[in-house]
Amino acid sequence: MELGKVLVYLGLFLLILGLLLLYFPKLFAWFGHLPGDIRLEREGLRLYIPLASALLLSLILTLLFNLLRR
């Protein structure tokens, strides 16, 4: 039964995130543009490695999931 709850919460979270990305794309414009993110742009090559953005997102999601679990 626990797995069912987790899947429902995950589905709701993804639905809300998808709607936010669809209707408010400027909310996430910071992703990939923080200090610590690696961006290489050359002719014929674009490389994005969002290290700082991924760490910040991981921290936010960890806090959110810990709050939902309690």
Protein backbone atom coordinates (compact mmCIF):
# COMPACT_ATOMS: atom_id res chain seq x y z
CA MET A 1 0.00 0.00 0.00
CA GLU A 2 2.88 2.40 0.67
CA LEU A 3 4.11 2.07 -2.91
CA GLY A 4 0.70 3.15 -4.15
CA LYS A 5 0.80 6.33 -2.05
CA VAL A 6 4.30 7.13 -3.24
CA LEU A 7 3.27 6.72 -6.88
CA VAL A 8 0.20 8.93 -6.41
CA TYR A 9 2.24 11.68 -4.74
CA LEU A 10 4.93 11.40 -7.39
CA GLY A 11 2.31 11.62 -10.14
CA LEU A 12 0.71 14.69 -8.57
CA PHE A 13 4.12 16.32 -8.16
CA LEU A 14 5.01 15.67 -11.80
CA LEU A 15 1.62 16.98 -12.94
CA ILE A 16 2.06 20.21 -10.99
CA LEU A 17 5.65 20.59 -12.20
CA GLY A 18 4.58 20.00 -15.79
CA LEU A 19 1.81 22.59 -15.56
CA LEU A 20 4.23 25.11 -14.05
CA LEU A 21 6.73 24.51 -16.84
CA LEU A 22 4.02 24.79 -19.46
CA TYR A 23 2.31 27.95 -18.26
CA PHE A 24 5.13 29.72 -16.35
CA PRO A 25 8.42 28.84 -18.09
CA LYS A 26 10.21 31.90 -16.68
CA LEU A 27 9.99 30.40 -13.18
CA PHE A 28 12.73 27.94 -14.15
CA ALA A 29 14.85 30.25 -16.33
CA TRP A 30 17.54 30.18 -13.64
CA PHE A 31 18.23 26.48 -14.22
CA GLY A 32 21.59 26.14 -15.93
CA HIS A 33 22.58 29.76 -15.41
CA LEU A 34 23.83 29.75 -11.81
CA PRO A 35 27.47 30.34 -10.87
CA GLY A 36 29.04 26.89 -10.87
CA ASP A 37 27.18 25.68 -13.95
CA ILE A 38 29.44 24.79 -16.86
CA ARG A 39 28.45 26.08 -20.30
CA LEU A 40 30.63 25.59 -23.35
CA GLU A 41 29.45 27.01 -26.65
CA ARG A 42 31.55 26.64 -29.76
CA GLU A 43 30.77 26.24 -33.41
CA GLY A 44 28.99 22.93 -33.79
CA LEU A 45 29.08 22.20 -30.03
CA ARG A 46 26.93 23.16 -27.07
CA LEU A 47 27.67 21.55 -23.73
CA TYR A 48 25.70 22.30 -20.57
CA ILE A 49 26.63 20.76 -17.22
CA PRO A 50 24.37 22.34 -14.58
CA LEU A 51 26.31 21.36 -11.43
CA ALA A 52 25.12 24.14 -9.11
CA SER A 53 21.57 23.99 -10.45
CA ALA A 54 21.40 20.24 -9.91
CA LEU A 55 22.70 20.56 -6.35
CA LEU A 56 20.15 23.27 -5.55
CA LEU A 57 17.32 21.26 -7.10
CA SER A 58 18.40 18.17 -5.17
CA LEU A 59 18.36 20.13 -1.91
CA ILE A 60 14.90 21.55 -2.60
CA LEU A 61 13.45 18.15 -3.54
CA THR A 62 15.02 16.49 -0.50
CA LEU A 63 13.44 19.05 1.81
CA LEU A 64 10.09 18.77 0.05
CA PHE A 65 9.99 14.97 0.20
CA ASN A 66 11.02 14.99 3.86
CA LEU A 67 8.16 17.37 4.64
CA LEU A 68 5.67 15.22 2.71
CA ARG A 69 6.83 12.05 4.44
CA ARG A 70 6.04 13.42 7.92
